[in-house]
């Protein structure tokens, strides 16, 4: 019990006494904090007390393309923790090769009446990919946030690094080390982050008098 209190308290950023009051259904805790504690229980895999099991936390889908790339588990940890602190329960949806598609996950999330969806890496970054499931979310007025560069016409808020600045910093660092033959490995031709990076790299290479050559694999 003590270990559970400590873990939930750390997850939410409150005292163990506050967690205890929530678990024992006692007054003196604000509703947002109460919901955050209940969501943290769900996230950490603890069973809710009997008197609180009838309350269903608000769900937010977190759709990731994979977990092999270490950046995506990092996204899941940070985003999931932030959602729990807001009284929301993240539902992790990870795509697998030949398995459940992004569109399938959206259908499942809509069936669960989610309060929102966060996509971290997905088909929204590819201009030629199917985007009907995004339009479905927009039609249902489901809040959506995209992590990484997205095609413009979707109309969802996106959080993205500056790909051009990232390439410039990496390029200049390699040049400072004395490298002269610098290459760039990119995603598909319709991939928005890749397009941004390629444009920046071409500008840098042209300015150095050594234009990039294309080599498609």
N, C-alpha and C. Protein backbone atom coordinates (compact mmCIF):
# COMPACT_ATOMS: atom_id res chain seq x y z
N UNK A 1 0.83 -1.20 0.00
CA UNK A 1 0.00 0.00 0.00
C UNK A 1 0.87 1.26 0.00
N UNK A 2 1.91 1.26 0.85
CA UNK A 2 2.81 2.42 0.94
C UNK A 2 3.51 2.67 -0.38
N UNK A 3 3.94 1.59 -1.03
CA UNK A 3 4.62 1.70 -2.33
C UNK A 3 3.67 2.28 -3.37
N UNK A 4 2.42 1.85 -3.35
CA UNK A 4 1.43 2.36 -4.29
C UNK A 4 1.21 3.84 -4.07
N UNK A 5 1.05 4.26 -2.82
CA UNK A 5 0.85 5.67 -2.52
C UNK A 5 2.01 6.51 -3.04
N UNK A 6 3.24 6.02 -2.80
CA UNK A 6 4.42 6.77 -3.21
C UNK A 6 4.50 6.90 -4.72
N UNK A 7 4.21 5.81 -5.44
CA UNK A 7 4.29 5.85 -6.90
C UNK A 7 3.24 6.77 -7.50
N UNK A 8 2.02 6.68 -7.00
CA UNK A 8 0.94 7.53 -7.52
C UNK A 8 1.22 8.99 -7.19
N UNK A 9 1.67 9.25 -5.98
CA UNK A 9 1.97 10.63 -5.58
C UNK A 9 3.05 11.22 -6.46
N UNK A 10 4.08 10.45 -6.76
CA UNK A 10 5.16 10.93 -7.62
C UNK A 10 4.66 11.18 -9.03
N UNK A 11 3.80 10.30 -9.52
CA UNK A 11 3.26 10.43 -10.89
C UNK A 11 2.45 11.71 -11.04
N UNK A 12 1.65 12.02 -10.04
CA UNK A 12 0.75 13.17 -10.11
C UNK A 12 1.42 14.45 -9.63
N UNK A 13 2.42 14.31 -8.76
CA UNK A 13 3.07 15.49 -8.20
C UNK A 13 2.36 16.04 -6.99
N UNK A 14 1.78 15.14 -6.19
CA UNK A 14 1.09 15.55 -4.96
C UNK A 14 1.65 14.74 -3.80
N UNK A 15 1.15 15.01 -2.59
CA UNK A 15 1.61 14.29 -1.41
C UNK A 15 0.93 12.93 -1.31
N UNK A 16 1.56 12.02 -0.57
CA UNK A 16 0.94 10.71 -0.33
C UNK A 16 -0.36 10.86 0.46
N UNK A 17 -0.42 11.87 1.30
CA UNK A 17 -1.64 12.11 2.07
C UNK A 17 -2.80 12.46 1.14
N UNK A 18 -2.52 13.23 0.11
CA UNK A 18 -3.57 13.58 -0.85
C UNK A 18 -4.06 12.34 -1.59
N UNK A 19 -3.12 11.49 -1.99
CA UNK A 19 -3.49 10.24 -2.67
C UNK A 19 -4.36 9.39 -1.74
N UNK A 20 -3.98 9.31 -0.49
CA UNK A 20 -4.74 8.53 0.48
C UNK A 20 -6.16 9.05 0.63
N UNK A 21 -6.32 10.38 0.64
CA UNK A 21 -7.66 10.96 0.77
C UNK A 21 -8.52 10.58 -0.45
N UNK A 22 -7.92 10.60 -1.61
CA UNK A 22 -8.67 10.24 -2.82
C UNK A 22 -9.09 8.77 -2.77
N UNK A 23 -8.14 7.89 -2.41
CA UNK A 23 -8.42 6.46 -2.39
C UNK A 23 -9.48 6.09 -1.35
N UNK A 24 -9.55 6.89 -0.30
CA UNK A 24 -10.53 6.63 0.75
C UNK A 24 -11.80 7.48 0.58
N UNK A 25 -11.86 8.18 -0.57
CA UNK A 25 -13.03 8.98 -0.93
C UNK A 25 -13.37 10.03 0.12
N UNK A 26 -12.33 10.68 0.64
CA UNK A 26 -12.52 11.70 1.66
C UNK A 26 -12.51 13.09 1.03
N UNK A 27 -13.15 14.07 1.66
CA UNK A 27 -13.18 15.44 1.11
C UNK A 27 -11.83 16.14 1.27
N UNK A 28 -11.76 17.37 0.74
CA UNK A 28 -10.55 18.15 0.90
C UNK A 28 -9.60 18.07 -0.28
N UNK A 29 -10.03 17.47 -1.40
CA UNK A 29 -9.19 17.36 -2.59
C UNK A 29 -9.97 17.94 -3.76
N UNK A 30 -9.32 18.79 -4.55
CA UNK A 30 -10.00 19.39 -5.70
C UNK A 30 -10.33 18.32 -6.74
N UNK A 31 -11.35 18.58 -7.54
CA UNK A 31 -11.78 17.60 -8.54
C UNK A 31 -10.69 17.30 -9.58
N UNK A 32 -9.95 18.31 -10.09
CA UNK A 32 -8.87 18.00 -11.04
C UNK A 32 -7.80 17.09 -10.44
N UNK A 33 -7.44 17.36 -9.16
CA UNK A 33 -6.44 16.52 -8.50
C UNK A 33 -6.98 15.11 -8.29
N UNK A 34 -8.22 15.03 -7.90
CA UNK A 34 -8.85 13.73 -7.68
C UNK A 34 -8.83 12.90 -8.97
N UNK A 35 -9.21 13.52 -10.08
CA UNK A 35 -9.21 12.82 -11.35
C UNK A 35 -7.80 12.43 -11.78
N UNK A 36 -6.84 13.29 -11.48
CA UNK A 36 -5.45 12.99 -11.83
C UNK A 36 -4.94 11.77 -11.06
N UNK A 37 -5.30 11.66 -9.79
CA UNK A 37 -4.90 10.50 -8.98
C UNK A 37 -5.54 9.23 -9.52
N UNK A 38 -6.83 9.29 -9.85
CA UNK A 38 -7.51 8.11 -10.39
C UNK A 38 -6.91 7.68 -11.73
N UNK A 39 -6.56 8.66 -12.56
CA UNK A 39 -5.94 8.34 -13.84
C UNK A 39 -4.57 7.72 -13.64
N UNK A 40 -3.81 8.22 -12.65
CA UNK A 40 -2.50 7.67 -12.36
C UNK A 40 -2.59 6.21 -11.92
N UNK A 41 -3.63 5.88 -11.16
CA UNK A 41 -3.85 4.49 -10.77
C UNK A 41 -3.99 3.61 -12.02
N UNK A 42 -4.77 4.10 -12.99
CA UNK A 42 -4.98 3.34 -14.22
C UNK A 42 -3.68 3.18 -14.99
N UNK A 43 -2.93 4.28 -15.11
CA UNK A 43 -1.68 4.27 -15.88
C UNK A 43 -0.66 3.31 -15.27
N UNK A 44 -0.59 3.30 -13.92
CA UNK A 44 0.40 2.47 -13.23
C UNK A 44 -0.06 1.02 -13.06
N UNK A 45 -1.28 0.74 -13.46
CA UNK A 45 -1.77 -0.64 -13.41
C UNK A 45 -2.34 -1.06 -12.08
N UNK A 46 -2.67 -0.10 -11.22
CA UNK A 46 -3.27 -0.43 -9.92
C UNK A 46 -4.80 -0.47 -10.05
N UNK A 47 -5.42 -1.33 -9.29
CA UNK A 47 -6.88 -1.43 -9.31
C UNK A 47 -7.47 -0.34 -8.44
N UNK A 48 -8.52 0.27 -8.93
CA UNK A 48 -9.18 1.31 -8.16
C UNK A 48 -9.91 0.70 -6.96
N UNK A 49 -10.05 1.47 -5.87
CA UNK A 49 -10.85 1.00 -4.74
C UNK A 49 -12.27 0.69 -5.19
N UNK A 50 -12.91 -0.24 -4.51
CA UNK A 50 -14.25 -0.69 -4.90
C UNK A 50 -15.23 0.46 -5.07
N UNK A 51 -15.21 1.42 -4.16
CA UNK A 51 -16.19 2.51 -4.21
C UNK A 51 -15.95 3.48 -5.35
N UNK A 52 -14.78 3.35 -6.02
CA UNK A 52 -14.46 4.27 -7.11
C UNK A 52 -14.43 3.59 -8.47
N UNK A 53 -14.74 2.31 -8.53
CA UNK A 53 -14.63 1.59 -9.79
C UNK A 53 -15.67 1.99 -10.81
N UNK A 54 -16.77 2.55 -10.34
CA UNK A 54 -17.82 2.93 -11.29
C UNK A 54 -17.49 4.19 -12.06
N UNK A 55 -16.45 4.90 -11.66
CA UNK A 55 -16.10 6.15 -12.32
C UNK A 55 -15.09 5.87 -13.42
N UNK A 56 -15.46 6.22 -14.62
CA UNK A 56 -14.58 5.96 -15.76
C UNK A 56 -13.79 7.21 -16.10
N UNK A 57 -12.49 7.08 -16.15
CA UNK A 57 -11.64 8.23 -16.46
C UNK A 57 -11.81 8.63 -17.92
N UNK A 58 -11.58 9.91 -18.20
CA UNK A 58 -11.59 10.38 -19.57
C UNK A 58 -10.37 9.81 -20.29
N UNK A 59 -10.59 9.29 -21.47
CA UNK A 59 -9.53 8.61 -22.22
C UNK A 59 -8.99 9.49 -23.33
N UNK A 60 -7.68 9.40 -23.55
CA UNK A 60 -7.03 10.09 -24.67
C UNK A 60 -6.15 9.08 -25.38
N UNK A 61 -6.38 8.90 -26.67
CA UNK A 61 -5.57 7.97 -27.45
C UNK A 61 -4.19 8.54 -27.72
N UNK A 62 -3.16 7.71 -27.57
CA UNK A 62 -1.79 8.08 -27.91
C UNK A 62 -1.33 7.09 -28.97
N UNK A 63 -1.30 7.53 -30.22
CA UNK A 63 -1.02 6.65 -31.34
C UNK A 63 0.43 6.81 -31.78
N UNK A 64 1.18 5.70 -31.71
CA UNK A 64 2.60 5.69 -32.07
C UNK A 64 2.83 4.70 -33.20
N UNK A 65 3.79 4.97 -34.09
CA UNK A 65 4.05 4.04 -35.19
C UNK A 65 4.80 2.78 -34.76
N UNK A 66 5.55 2.86 -33.66
CA UNK A 66 6.35 1.72 -33.21
C UNK A 66 6.94 2.04 -31.84
N UNK A 67 7.61 1.04 -31.25
CA UNK A 67 8.31 1.26 -29.97
C UNK A 67 9.78 0.87 -30.07
N UNK A 68 10.23 0.43 -31.24
CA UNK A 68 11.63 0.06 -31.40
C UNK A 68 12.53 1.29 -31.38
N UNK A 69 12.07 2.36 -32.00
CA UNK A 69 12.80 3.62 -31.97
C UNK A 69 12.64 4.23 -30.58
N UNK A 70 13.74 4.46 -29.86
CA UNK A 70 13.64 4.93 -28.46
C UNK A 70 12.93 6.26 -28.28
N UNK A 71 12.78 7.04 -29.35
CA UNK A 71 12.11 8.33 -29.20
C UNK A 71 10.63 8.15 -28.88
N UNK A 72 10.02 7.07 -29.39
CA UNK A 72 8.58 6.91 -29.18
C UNK A 72 8.23 6.45 -27.78
N UNK A 73 8.97 5.51 -27.15
CA UNK A 73 8.71 5.26 -25.73
C UNK A 73 8.92 6.50 -24.86
N UNK A 74 9.89 7.34 -25.26
CA UNK A 74 10.11 8.58 -24.51
C UNK A 74 8.91 9.50 -24.64
N UNK A 75 8.37 9.60 -25.86
CA UNK A 75 7.14 10.39 -26.06
C UNK A 75 6.01 9.84 -25.19
N UNK A 76 5.87 8.51 -25.20
CA UNK A 76 4.78 7.88 -24.45
C UNK A 76 4.88 8.19 -22.96
N UNK A 77 6.08 8.15 -22.43
CA UNK A 77 6.27 8.40 -21.00
C UNK A 77 5.93 9.84 -20.63
N UNK A 78 6.43 10.79 -21.42
CA UNK A 78 6.22 12.21 -21.11
C UNK A 78 4.76 12.61 -21.34
N UNK A 79 4.22 12.24 -22.50
CA UNK A 79 2.85 12.62 -22.82
C UNK A 79 1.87 11.92 -21.89
N UNK A 80 2.10 10.62 -21.64
CA UNK A 80 1.23 9.87 -20.75
C UNK A 80 1.22 10.45 -19.35
N UNK A 81 2.39 10.81 -18.85
CA UNK A 81 2.48 11.41 -17.52
C UNK A 81 1.75 12.74 -17.44
N UNK A 82 1.90 13.55 -18.48
CA UNK A 82 1.23 14.86 -18.50
C UNK A 82 -0.28 14.70 -18.55
N UNK A 83 -0.75 13.74 -19.32
CA UNK A 83 -2.19 13.50 -19.39
C UNK A 83 -2.74 13.05 -18.04
N UNK A 84 -2.00 12.16 -17.37
CA UNK A 84 -2.45 11.67 -16.07
C UNK A 84 -2.56 12.80 -15.05
N UNK A 85 -1.64 13.76 -15.12
CA UNK A 85 -1.69 14.89 -14.19
C UNK A 85 -2.89 15.79 -14.44
N UNK A 86 -3.45 15.69 -15.65
CA UNK A 86 -4.64 16.48 -15.98
C UNK A 86 -5.94 15.69 -15.78
N UNK A 87 -5.82 14.51 -15.15
CA UNK A 87 -7.01 13.72 -14.89
C UNK A 87 -7.46 12.92 -16.09
N UNK A 88 -6.58 12.69 -17.06
CA UNK A 88 -6.89 11.93 -18.27
C UNK A 88 -6.12 10.62 -18.28
N UNK A 89 -6.69 9.61 -18.90
CA UNK A 89 -6.04 8.31 -18.97
C UNK A 89 -5.58 8.04 -20.41
N UNK A 90 -4.26 7.92 -20.63
CA UNK A 90 -3.77 7.66 -21.99
C UNK A 90 -4.03 6.21 -22.40
N UNK A 91 -4.43 6.03 -23.64
CA UNK A 91 -4.62 4.70 -24.21
C UNK A 91 -3.57 4.52 -25.29
N UNK A 92 -2.56 3.70 -25.03
CA UNK A 92 -1.45 3.54 -25.96
C UNK A 92 -1.84 2.65 -27.13
N UNK A 93 -1.66 3.15 -28.34
CA UNK A 93 -1.97 2.42 -29.56
C UNK A 93 -0.70 2.36 -30.42
N UNK A 94 -0.10 1.20 -30.48
CA UNK A 94 1.15 1.04 -31.21
C UNK A 94 0.93 0.19 -32.45
N UNK A 95 1.33 0.73 -33.58
CA UNK A 95 1.16 0.00 -34.83
C UNK A 95 2.26 -1.06 -34.97
N UNK A 96 1.93 -2.14 -35.62
CA UNK A 96 2.89 -3.19 -35.92
C UNK A 96 2.78 -3.57 -37.39
N UNK A 97 3.85 -4.01 -37.95
CA UNK A 97 3.86 -4.38 -39.36
C UNK A 97 2.86 -5.50 -39.61
N UNK A 98 1.92 -5.24 -40.51
CA UNK A 98 0.91 -6.24 -40.83
C UNK A 98 -0.17 -6.37 -39.77
N UNK A 99 -0.16 -5.47 -38.78
CA UNK A 99 -1.14 -5.55 -37.70
C UNK A 99 -2.21 -4.49 -37.82
N UNK A 100 -2.62 -3.93 -36.69
CA UNK A 100 -3.68 -2.92 -36.65
C UNK A 100 -3.15 -1.62 -37.25
N UNK A 101 -3.91 -1.05 -38.17
CA UNK A 101 -3.49 0.17 -38.83
C UNK A 101 -3.87 1.40 -38.01
N UNK A 102 -3.35 2.55 -38.43
CA UNK A 102 -3.68 3.81 -37.76
C UNK A 102 -5.18 4.08 -37.85
N UNK A 103 -5.76 3.82 -39.01
CA UNK A 103 -7.20 4.04 -39.19
C UNK A 103 -8.01 3.10 -38.29
N UNK A 104 -7.54 1.85 -38.15
CA UNK A 104 -8.23 0.90 -37.27
C UNK A 104 -8.21 1.38 -35.83
N UNK A 105 -7.08 1.92 -35.41
CA UNK A 105 -6.98 2.43 -34.05
C UNK A 105 -7.94 3.60 -33.83
N UNK A 106 -8.06 4.46 -34.83
CA UNK A 106 -8.98 5.59 -34.71
C UNK A 106 -10.41 5.07 -34.53
N UNK A 107 -10.80 4.07 -35.29
CA UNK A 107 -12.13 3.48 -35.14
C UNK A 107 -12.34 2.93 -33.72
N UNK A 108 -11.33 2.23 -33.21
CA UNK A 108 -11.43 1.67 -31.86
C UNK A 108 -11.53 2.77 -30.80
N UNK A 109 -10.75 3.84 -30.98
CA UNK A 109 -10.77 4.94 -30.02
C UNK A 109 -12.12 5.66 -30.03
N UNK A 110 -12.68 5.83 -31.21
CA UNK A 110 -13.99 6.47 -31.30
C UNK A 110 -15.06 5.62 -30.62
N UNK A 111 -14.94 4.29 -30.73
CA UNK A 111 -15.88 3.41 -30.06
C UNK A 111 -15.79 3.54 -28.53
N UNK A 112 -14.59 3.89 -28.06
CA UNK A 112 -14.38 4.08 -26.61
C UNK A 112 -14.72 5.50 -26.16
N UNK A 113 -15.20 6.32 -27.11
CA UNK A 113 -15.60 7.69 -26.81
C UNK A 113 -14.46 8.49 -26.16
N UNK A 114 -13.31 8.47 -26.81
CA UNK A 114 -12.15 9.19 -26.28
C UNK A 114 -12.38 10.69 -26.28
N UNK A 115 -11.68 11.36 -25.37
CA UNK A 115 -11.79 12.81 -25.27
C UNK A 115 -10.85 13.52 -26.22
N UNK A 116 -9.88 12.81 -26.77
CA UNK A 116 -8.92 13.40 -27.69
C UNK A 116 -7.92 12.35 -28.15
N UNK A 117 -7.10 12.73 -29.13
CA UNK A 117 -6.09 11.81 -29.67
C UNK A 117 -4.79 12.58 -29.91
N UNK A 118 -3.68 11.99 -29.50
CA UNK A 118 -2.35 12.53 -29.80
C UNK A 118 -1.65 11.56 -30.73
N UNK A 119 -1.19 12.05 -31.87
CA UNK A 119 -0.42 11.24 -32.81
C UNK A 119 1.03 11.69 -32.75
N UNK A 120 1.93 10.75 -32.51
CA UNK A 120 3.37 11.07 -32.52
C UNK A 120 4.03 10.25 -33.62
N UNK A 121 4.13 10.84 -34.80
CA UNK A 121 4.65 10.11 -35.95
C UNK A 121 3.54 9.31 -36.59
N UNK A 122 3.14 9.67 -37.80
CA UNK A 122 2.04 8.96 -38.42
C UNK A 122 1.85 9.37 -39.86
N UNK A 123 0.74 8.94 -40.43
CA UNK A 123 0.47 9.18 -41.85
C UNK A 123 0.19 10.65 -42.15
N UNK A 124 -0.08 11.45 -41.14
CA UNK A 124 -0.32 12.88 -41.35
C UNK A 124 0.92 13.59 -41.90
N UNK A 125 2.09 12.96 -41.75
CA UNK A 125 3.33 13.56 -42.24
C UNK A 125 3.60 13.22 -43.71
N UNK A 126 2.78 12.34 -44.29
CA UNK A 126 2.98 11.92 -45.68
C UNK A 126 1.83 12.43 -46.54
N UNK A 127 2.16 13.22 -47.55
CA UNK A 127 1.15 13.86 -48.39
C UNK A 127 0.32 12.86 -49.18
N UNK A 128 0.92 11.75 -49.59
CA UNK A 128 0.22 10.80 -50.45
C UNK A 128 -0.43 9.65 -49.68
N UNK A 129 -0.38 9.67 -48.36
CA UNK A 129 -0.96 8.60 -47.55
C UNK A 129 -2.46 8.83 -47.38
N UNK A 130 -3.22 7.79 -46.99
CA UNK A 130 -4.65 7.98 -46.72
C UNK A 130 -4.87 8.81 -45.46
N UNK A 131 -5.81 9.75 -45.52
CA UNK A 131 -6.04 10.65 -44.40
C UNK A 131 -7.51 10.71 -43.99
N UNK A 132 -8.30 9.73 -44.45
CA UNK A 132 -9.74 9.76 -44.15
C UNK A 132 -10.02 9.69 -42.65
N UNK A 133 -9.19 8.93 -41.92
CA UNK A 133 -9.45 8.79 -40.49
C UNK A 133 -9.21 10.10 -39.74
N UNK A 134 -8.33 10.96 -40.26
CA UNK A 134 -8.14 12.28 -39.64
C UNK A 134 -9.38 13.15 -39.89
N UNK A 135 -9.91 13.04 -41.11
CA UNK A 135 -11.12 13.81 -41.43
C UNK A 135 -12.29 13.37 -40.55
N UNK A 136 -12.33 12.07 -40.23
CA UNK A 136 -13.38 11.55 -39.36
C UNK A 136 -13.28 12.16 -37.96
N UNK A 137 -12.07 12.27 -37.45
CA UNK A 137 -11.87 12.88 -36.14
C UNK A 137 -12.29 14.35 -36.16
N UNK A 138 -11.95 15.04 -37.24
CA UNK A 138 -12.31 16.45 -37.36
C UNK A 138 -13.83 16.61 -37.43
N UNK A 139 -14.48 15.71 -38.15
CA UNK A 139 -15.94 15.77 -38.29
C UNK A 139 -16.64 15.53 -36.96
N UNK A 140 -16.01 14.72 -36.08
CA UNK A 140 -16.59 14.44 -34.76
C UNK A 140 -16.19 15.49 -33.72
N UNK A 141 -15.39 16.48 -34.16
CA UNK A 141 -14.90 17.53 -33.25
C UNK A 141 -14.07 16.95 -32.11
N UNK A 142 -13.31 15.90 -32.39
CA UNK A 142 -12.41 15.32 -31.40
C UNK A 142 -11.10 16.11 -31.39
N UNK A 143 -10.68 16.65 -30.25
CA UNK A 143 -9.40 17.37 -30.21
C UNK A 143 -8.23 16.45 -30.61
N UNK A 144 -7.39 16.94 -31.48
CA UNK A 144 -6.25 16.16 -31.98
C UNK A 144 -5.00 17.03 -31.95
N UNK A 145 -3.89 16.43 -31.53
CA UNK A 145 -2.59 17.10 -31.57
C UNK A 145 -1.62 16.20 -32.31
N UNK A 146 -0.84 16.79 -33.22
CA UNK A 146 0.13 16.05 -34.00
C UNK A 146 1.54 16.41 -33.55
N UNK A 147 2.37 15.41 -33.34
CA UNK A 147 3.77 15.63 -32.98
C UNK A 147 4.62 15.35 -34.21
N UNK A 148 5.33 16.34 -34.67
CA UNK A 148 6.17 16.31 -35.86
C UNK A 148 5.44 17.03 -36.99
N UNK A 149 6.17 17.35 -38.03
CA UNK A 149 5.61 18.14 -39.13
C UNK A 149 4.48 17.40 -39.81
N UNK A 150 3.45 18.14 -40.20
CA UNK A 150 2.28 17.55 -40.84
C UNK A 150 1.95 18.29 -42.13
N UNK A 151 1.22 17.63 -43.02
CA UNK A 151 0.75 18.31 -44.21
C UNK A 151 -0.22 19.40 -43.79
N UNK A 152 -0.31 20.46 -44.58
CA UNK A 152 -1.02 21.67 -44.14
C UNK A 152 -2.52 21.52 -44.08
N UNK A 153 -3.12 20.75 -44.97
CA UNK A 153 -4.57 20.80 -45.12
C UNK A 153 -5.36 20.09 -44.01
N UNK A 154 -4.68 19.43 -43.08
CA UNK A 154 -5.41 18.71 -42.03
C UNK A 154 -6.02 19.67 -41.00
N UNK A 155 -5.34 20.77 -40.73
CA UNK A 155 -5.93 21.77 -39.85
C UNK A 155 -5.81 21.48 -38.36
N UNK A 156 -5.03 20.46 -37.96
CA UNK A 156 -4.86 20.17 -36.54
C UNK A 156 -3.63 20.89 -35.99
N UNK A 157 -3.64 21.26 -34.71
CA UNK A 157 -2.43 21.84 -34.12
C UNK A 157 -1.31 20.81 -34.09
N UNK A 158 -0.09 21.26 -34.37
CA UNK A 158 1.06 20.36 -34.41
C UNK A 158 2.22 20.93 -33.61
N UNK A 159 2.96 20.04 -32.97
CA UNK A 159 4.17 20.41 -32.24
C UNK A 159 5.34 19.78 -32.97
N UNK A 160 6.24 20.62 -33.48
CA UNK A 160 7.31 20.09 -34.31
C UNK A 160 8.59 20.88 -34.09
N UNK A 161 9.72 20.19 -34.23
CA UNK A 161 11.01 20.88 -34.19
C UNK A 161 11.21 21.60 -35.52
N UNK A 162 12.17 22.50 -35.58
CA UNK A 162 12.50 23.20 -36.81
C UNK A 162 13.49 22.32 -37.58
N UNK A 163 12.98 21.58 -38.56
CA UNK A 163 13.82 20.64 -39.30
C UNK A 163 14.96 21.34 -40.03
N UNK A 164 14.71 22.53 -40.55
CA UNK A 164 15.76 23.25 -41.28
C UNK A 164 16.91 23.64 -40.35
N UNK A 165 16.56 24.13 -39.16
CA UNK A 165 17.60 24.50 -38.19
C UNK A 165 18.37 23.27 -37.73
N UNK A 166 17.67 22.15 -37.54
CA UNK A 166 18.33 20.92 -37.11
C UNK A 166 19.37 20.47 -38.14
N UNK A 167 18.99 20.51 -39.42
CA UNK A 167 19.93 20.12 -40.48
C UNK A 167 21.11 21.08 -40.54
N UNK A 168 20.82 22.36 -40.43
CA UNK A 168 21.90 23.35 -40.48
C UNK A 168 22.90 23.14 -39.35
N UNK A 169 22.42 22.89 -38.14
CA UNK A 169 23.32 22.68 -37.01
C UNK A 169 24.16 21.42 -37.21
N UNK A 170 23.52 20.34 -37.66
CA UNK A 170 24.24 19.09 -37.88
C UNK A 170 25.27 19.25 -38.99
N UNK A 171 24.87 19.92 -40.06
CA UNK A 171 25.75 20.12 -41.22
C UNK A 171 26.99 20.92 -40.82
N UNK A 172 26.76 22.05 -40.15
CA UNK A 172 27.89 22.90 -39.77
C UNK A 172 28.81 22.20 -38.76
N UNK A 173 28.23 21.36 -37.92
CA UNK A 173 29.06 20.60 -36.98
C UNK A 173 29.98 19.64 -37.73
N UNK A 174 29.44 18.94 -38.72
CA UNK A 174 30.27 18.01 -39.50
C UNK A 174 31.35 18.75 -40.27
N UNK A 175 31.00 19.91 -40.82
CA UNK A 175 31.99 20.71 -41.54
C UNK A 175 33.10 21.16 -40.61
N UNK A 176 32.72 21.54 -39.38
CA UNK A 176 33.73 22.00 -38.41
C UNK A 176 34.70 20.89 -38.03
N UNK A 177 34.26 19.64 -38.18
CA UNK A 177 35.12 18.49 -37.89
C UNK A 177 36.00 18.12 -39.07
N UNK A 178 35.81 18.82 -40.19
CA UNK A 178 36.65 18.58 -41.36
C UNK A 178 36.03 17.69 -42.42
N UNK A 179 34.80 17.28 -42.24
CA UNK A 179 34.15 16.41 -43.24
C UNK A 179 33.75 17.22 -44.48
N UNK A 180 33.95 16.64 -45.63
CA UNK A 180 33.63 17.31 -46.89
C UNK A 180 32.52 16.60 -47.67
N UNK A 181 32.45 15.29 -47.57
CA UNK A 181 31.41 14.53 -48.27
C UNK A 181 30.30 14.18 -47.26
N UNK A 182 29.24 14.94 -47.28
CA UNK A 182 28.17 14.80 -46.30
C UNK A 182 26.89 14.34 -47.01
N UNK A 183 26.30 13.28 -46.49
CA UNK A 183 25.08 12.75 -47.07
C UNK A 183 23.89 12.95 -46.15
N UNK A 184 22.71 12.67 -46.67
CA UNK A 184 21.48 12.86 -45.92
C UNK A 184 20.56 11.68 -46.20
N UNK A 185 20.17 10.95 -45.15
CA UNK A 185 19.25 9.82 -45.29
C UNK A 185 17.85 10.30 -44.93
N UNK A 186 16.91 10.11 -45.85
CA UNK A 186 15.57 10.66 -45.69
C UNK A 186 14.49 9.59 -45.81
N UNK A 187 13.28 9.98 -45.47
CA UNK A 187 12.13 9.10 -45.62
C UNK A 187 11.56 9.18 -47.02
N UNK A 188 10.31 8.77 -47.22
CA UNK A 188 9.68 8.80 -48.54
C UNK A 188 9.63 10.22 -49.10
N UNK A 189 9.47 10.32 -50.43
CA UNK A 189 9.49 11.62 -51.09
C UNK A 189 8.36 12.53 -50.63
N UNK A 190 7.24 11.94 -50.17
CA UNK A 190 6.10 12.76 -49.73
C UNK A 190 6.10 13.04 -48.23
N UNK A 191 7.20 12.70 -47.55
CA UNK A 191 7.31 12.85 -46.09
C UNK A 191 7.70 14.29 -45.77
N UNK A 192 6.84 15.01 -45.05
CA UNK A 192 7.04 16.43 -44.81
C UNK A 192 8.34 16.76 -44.07
N UNK A 193 8.67 16.09 -42.95
CA UNK A 193 9.94 16.40 -42.29
C UNK A 193 11.13 16.18 -43.22
N UNK A 194 11.06 15.13 -44.04
CA UNK A 194 12.16 14.86 -44.97
C UNK A 194 12.27 15.96 -46.02
N UNK A 195 11.13 16.46 -46.49
CA UNK A 195 11.16 17.55 -47.46
C UNK A 195 11.80 18.79 -46.88
N UNK A 196 11.48 19.09 -45.63
CA UNK A 196 12.07 20.25 -44.97
C UNK A 196 13.58 20.09 -44.83
N UNK A 197 14.00 18.91 -44.42
CA UNK A 197 15.43 18.66 -44.23
C UNK A 197 16.19 18.71 -45.54
N UNK A 198 15.59 18.14 -46.59
CA UNK A 198 16.26 18.13 -47.90
C UNK A 198 16.42 19.55 -48.44
N UNK A 199 15.39 20.38 -48.29
CA UNK A 199 15.47 21.75 -48.77
C UNK A 199 16.59 22.51 -48.05
N UNK A 200 16.70 22.30 -46.74
CA UNK A 200 17.76 22.97 -45.97
C UNK A 200 19.13 22.47 -46.38
N UNK A 201 19.27 21.16 -46.57
CA UNK A 201 20.56 20.59 -46.96
C UNK A 201 20.98 21.07 -48.35
N UNK A 202 20.02 21.15 -49.27
CA UNK A 202 20.34 21.64 -50.61
C UNK A 202 20.85 23.08 -50.56
N UNK A 203 20.21 23.89 -49.74
CA UNK A 203 20.63 25.29 -49.62
C UNK A 203 22.05 25.39 -49.08
N UNK A 204 22.36 24.58 -48.07
CA UNK A 204 23.70 24.59 -47.48
C UNK A 204 24.75 24.09 -48.48
N UNK A 205 24.40 23.01 -49.19
CA UNK A 205 25.35 22.45 -50.16
C UNK A 205 25.59 23.41 -51.31
N UNK A 206 24.51 24.06 -51.79
CA UNK A 206 24.66 25.02 -52.88
C UNK A 206 25.53 26.19 -52.45
N UNK A 207 25.33 26.66 -51.20
CA UNK A 207 26.13 27.78 -50.70
C UNK A 207 27.60 27.41 -50.59
N UNK A 208 27.87 26.12 -50.38
CA UNK A 208 29.26 25.66 -50.26
C UNK A 208 29.86 25.33 -51.63
N UNK A 209 29.05 25.45 -52.68
CA UNK A 209 29.55 25.17 -54.02
C UNK A 209 29.65 23.70 -54.35
N UNK A 210 28.94 22.85 -53.61
CA UNK A 210 28.97 21.40 -53.86
C UNK A 210 27.55 20.86 -53.78
N UNK A 211 26.74 21.10 -54.82
CA UNK A 211 25.32 20.69 -54.80
C UNK A 211 25.15 19.21 -54.49
N UNK A 212 24.05 18.91 -53.79
CA UNK A 212 23.74 17.51 -53.46
C UNK A 212 23.36 16.74 -54.72
N UNK A 213 23.73 15.49 -54.75
CA UNK A 213 23.30 14.60 -55.80
C UNK A 213 22.30 13.59 -55.24
N UNK A 214 21.34 13.17 -56.05
CA UNK A 214 20.32 12.24 -55.58
C UNK A 214 20.77 10.81 -55.75
N UNK A 215 20.50 10.01 -54.75
CA UNK A 215 20.74 8.56 -54.82
C UNK A 215 19.59 7.87 -54.13
N UNK A 216 18.67 7.34 -54.89
CA UNK A 216 17.48 6.69 -54.31
C UNK A 216 17.72 5.20 -54.15
N UNK A 217 17.33 4.70 -52.97
CA UNK A 217 17.50 3.27 -52.67
C UNK A 217 16.16 2.60 -52.66
